[in-house]
Amino acid sequence: MSRCKLSKPLLLLMATTLAGCELANPKPSASLAHYQLEGHAVRLVVGQQQRVGSDTIKLLQQQQADLDGDGVPERIGVLTLTGGGSGYFYYVAASRWQHNQWRSAGTLFLGDRIRFERLQLIDSVNGALGAVQLSYWHRGPEQPMAAPARLRVEQQFQLAPEQPLAAMPK
């Protein structure tokens, strides 16, 4: 069996050329998400968690679609943040692919120790562009935080062109 040997300078040239092509024409990753959460910029894959200082941030679920009609898909994800105390804080966050990088398009707080169910894409609502629907369980005002969540919530969120993520009126 013959082996082809490449010289170190040739390997170095090939590596830098490939890296230069990648940087000159970046494409959005199919799985890596970029979000802003409580002042932290995080890059996560669904199910992965990242430790930032004393906080741990985890991406639970993500949807990708062209929600604002610009021809480029946006991402909306459900994330949790815990700082080591008893709280487990849930957020919905969005990001847009702009100028060859993911940029935050807003983050909204959902609640403390909710029971997340699902995040799904929905078709246009009332003539608006695409949206997502988030289903989760929350506690009532008189219910202690230690008790299981009993109120089912279905909330829709929209990402309009050049606007931050917003909850749609119920």
Protein backbone atom coordinates (compact mmCIF):
# COMPACT_ATOMS: atom_id res chain seq x y z
CA MET A 1 0.00 0.00 0.00
CA SER A 2 1.43 3.36 -0.88
CA ARG A 3 1.01 6.37 1.34
CA CYS A 4 0.92 9.93 0.20
CA LYS A 5 2.94 12.27 2.38
CA LEU A 6 2.19 15.96 2.44
CA SER A 7 4.78 18.42 3.57
CA LYS A 8 4.13 20.52 6.66
CA PRO A 9 4.12 23.81 4.69
CA LEU A 10 1.52 22.38 2.29
CA LEU A 11 -0.68 21.17 5.18
CA LEU A 12 -0.41 24.59 6.82
CA LEU A 13 -1.35 26.31 3.56
CA MET A 14 -4.36 24.02 3.09
CA ALA A 15 -5.56 24.57 6.67
CA THR A 16 -5.29 28.36 6.49
CA THR A 17 -6.98 28.42 3.07
CA LEU A 18 -9.90 26.33 4.34
CA ALA A 19 -10.18 28.44 7.50
CA GLY A 20 -10.14 31.62 5.39
CA CYS A 21 -12.94 30.30 3.17
CA GLU A 22 -15.00 29.38 6.22
CA LEU A 23 -14.55 32.84 7.73
CA ALA A 24 -15.22 34.64 4.46
CA ASN A 25 -18.56 32.90 3.95
CA PRO A 26 -19.97 31.81 7.35
CA LYS A 27 -23.25 29.93 7.43
CA PRO A 28 -25.58 29.50 10.39
CA SER A 29 -24.98 26.25 12.24
CA ALA A 30 -27.83 23.78 11.99
CA SER A 31 -27.69 22.90 15.68
CA LEU A 32 -25.73 25.52 17.62
CA ALA A 33 -27.95 28.21 19.15
CA HIS A 34 -26.86 31.70 20.18
CA TYR A 35 -28.92 33.53 22.79
CA GLN A 36 -28.65 36.37 25.33
CA LEU A 37 -29.90 35.58 28.82
CA GLU A 38 -29.55 37.83 31.87
CA GLY A 39 -26.51 39.55 30.37
CA HIS A 40 -24.85 36.28 29.35
CA ALA A 41 -24.18 35.43 25.70
CA VAL A 42 -24.51 31.66 25.37
CA ARG A 43 -23.95 29.19 22.54
CA LEU A 44 -25.74 25.89 23.12
CA VAL A 45 -27.03 22.75 21.44
CA VAL A 46 -30.45 21.48 22.61
CA GLY A 47 -29.99 19.51 25.83
CA GLN A 48 -26.59 21.04 26.54
CA GLN A 49 -25.90 23.30 29.50
CA GLN A 50 -23.26 25.98 29.97
CA ARG A 51 -21.88 27.37 33.18
CA VAL A 52 -21.38 31.15 33.19
CA GLY A 53 -19.99 32.43 36.49
CA SER A 54 -22.26 31.03 39.19
CA ASP A 55 -25.16 30.50 36.75
CA THR A 56 -25.98 27.38 34.75
CA ILE A 57 -27.95 27.89 31.53
CA LYS A 58 -29.55 25.03 29.59
CA LEU A 59 -31.35 24.99 26.22
CA LEU A 60 -34.42 22.75 26.52
CA GLN A 61 -35.97 23.06 23.07
CA GLN A 62 -35.55 25.16 19.95
CA GLN A 63 -37.51 25.88 16.76
CA GLN A 64 -36.13 27.42 13.59
CA ALA A 65 -38.22 29.06 10.87
CA ASP A 66 -38.54 32.31 8.94
CA LEU A 67 -40.84 34.03 11.41
CA ASP A 68 -40.42 37.62 10.25
CA GLY A 69 -40.74 37.07 6.49
CA ASP A 70 -37.23 38.20 5.51
CA GLY A 71 -36.30 34.87 3.89
CA VAL A 72 -33.77 33.96 6.62
CA PRO A 73 -34.70 31.57 9.44
CA GLU A 74 -34.79 32.81 13.03
CA ARG A 75 -34.50 30.68 16.16
CA ILE A 76 -36.63 30.65 19.25
CA GLY A 77 -35.63 28.56 22.23
CA VAL A 78 -36.69 27.78 25.79
CA LEU A 79 -33.86 28.11 28.29
CA THR A 80 -33.45 27.63 32.01
CA LEU A 81 -31.17 29.52 34.35
CA THR A 82 -30.25 28.45 37.85
CA GLY A 83 -27.82 30.24 40.10
CA GLY A 84 -27.45 27.53 42.69
CA GLY A 85 -30.39 28.64 44.85
CA SER A 86 -33.85 27.12 44.93
CA GLY A 87 -35.10 28.93 41.81
CA TYR A 88 -35.15 27.41 38.36
CA PHE A 89 -35.96 30.29 36.01
CA TYR A 90 -37.44 29.73 32.53
CA TYR A 91 -37.07 32.07 29.54
CA VAL A 92 -38.06 32.16 25.89
CA ALA A 93 -35.39 33.76 23.71
CA ALA A 94 -34.96 34.53 20.02
CA SER A 95 -32.01 35.12 17.72
CA ARG A 96 -31.63 36.32 14.13
CA TRP A 97 -28.92 35.59 11.55
CA GLN A 98 -27.71 39.09 10.62
CA HIS A 99 -24.42 40.28 9.14
CA ASN A 100 -23.01 36.72 9.15
CA GLN A 101 -23.63 36.05 12.83
CA TRP A 102 -26.44 35.22 15.26
CA ARG A 103 -27.73 38.26 17.14
CA SER A 104 -30.12 38.36 20.06
CA ALA A 105 -33.69 39.27 19.11
CA GLY A 106 -35.10 39.41 22.63
CA THR A 107 -35.60 37.36 25.77
CA LEU A 108 -38.75 37.11 27.90
CA PHE A 109 -39.06 35.67 31.41
CA LEU A 110 -41.66 32.89 31.71
CA GLY A 111 -41.51 32.02 35.40
CA ASP A 112 -39.80 30.28 38.28
CA ARG A 113 -40.07 26.48 38.52
CA ILE A 114 -42.72 26.15 35.84
CA ARG A 115 -43.27 22.79 34.14
CA PHE A 116 -42.33 23.20 30.49
CA GLU A 117 -44.31 21.10 28.02
CA ARG A 118 -43.49 22.11 24.42
CA LEU A 119 -42.57 24.82 21.93
CA GLN A 120 -44.13 24.48 18.50
CA LEU A 121 -44.33 26.48 15.28
CA ILE A 122 -47.77 27.73 14.30
CA ASP A 123 -49.04 29.28 11.09
CA SER A 124 -49.84 32.94 10.80
CA VAL A 125 -52.28 34.28 13.34
CA ASN A 126 -54.72 37.09 12.46
CA GLY A 127 -52.77 37.88 9.28
CA ALA A 128 -49.49 38.15 11.18
CA LEU A 129 -46.33 36.31 10.19
CA GLY A 130 -45.40 32.96 11.66
CA ALA A 131 -45.26 32.51 15.41
CA VAL A 132 -44.51 29.91 18.05
CA GLN A 133 -46.73 28.58 20.78
CA LEU A 134 -45.31 27.69 24.14
CA SER A 135 -47.20 25.33 26.45
CA TYR A 136 -46.30 25.05 30.13
CA TRP A 137 -47.75 24.67 33.61
CA HIS A 138 -47.60 27.50 36.18
CA ARG A 139 -48.65 27.98 39.79
CA GLY A 140 -51.63 30.06 40.85
CA PRO A 141 -51.18 33.20 43.01
CA GLU A 142 -52.09 31.37 46.23
CA GLN A 143 -50.13 28.23 45.42
CA PRO A 144 -46.78 27.69 47.23
CA MET A 145 -43.64 27.33 45.10
CA ALA A 146 -43.06 23.84 46.53
CA ALA A 147 -46.43 22.63 45.18
CA PRO A 148 -46.70 21.19 41.65
CA ALA A 149 -47.76 23.63 38.93
CA ARG A 150 -51.48 23.22 38.14
CA LEU A 151 -52.42 26.05 35.75
CA ARG A 152 -51.88 25.24 32.07
CA VAL A 153 -50.65 28.17 29.99
CA GLU A 154 -50.54 28.37 26.20
CA GLN A 155 -48.79 31.55 25.10
CA GLN A 156 -47.95 32.64 21.56
CA PHE A 157 -44.86 34.64 20.64
CA GLN A 158 -44.06 36.49 17.44
CA LEU A 159 -40.90 37.92 15.90
CA ALA A 160 -41.86 40.80 13.59
CA PRO A 161 -39.34 42.34 11.15
CA GLU A 162 -36.72 44.46 12.96
CA GLN A 163 -38.61 44.03 16.26
CA PRO A 164 -37.72 42.10 19.41
CA LEU A 165 -39.51 38.92 20.43
CA ALA A 166 -42.98 39.74 21.80
CA ALA A 167 -45.79 37.87 23.49
CA MET A 168 -48.97 38.03 21.41
CA PRO A 169 -52.15 39.24 23.11
CA LYS A 170 -54.38 36.46 24.35
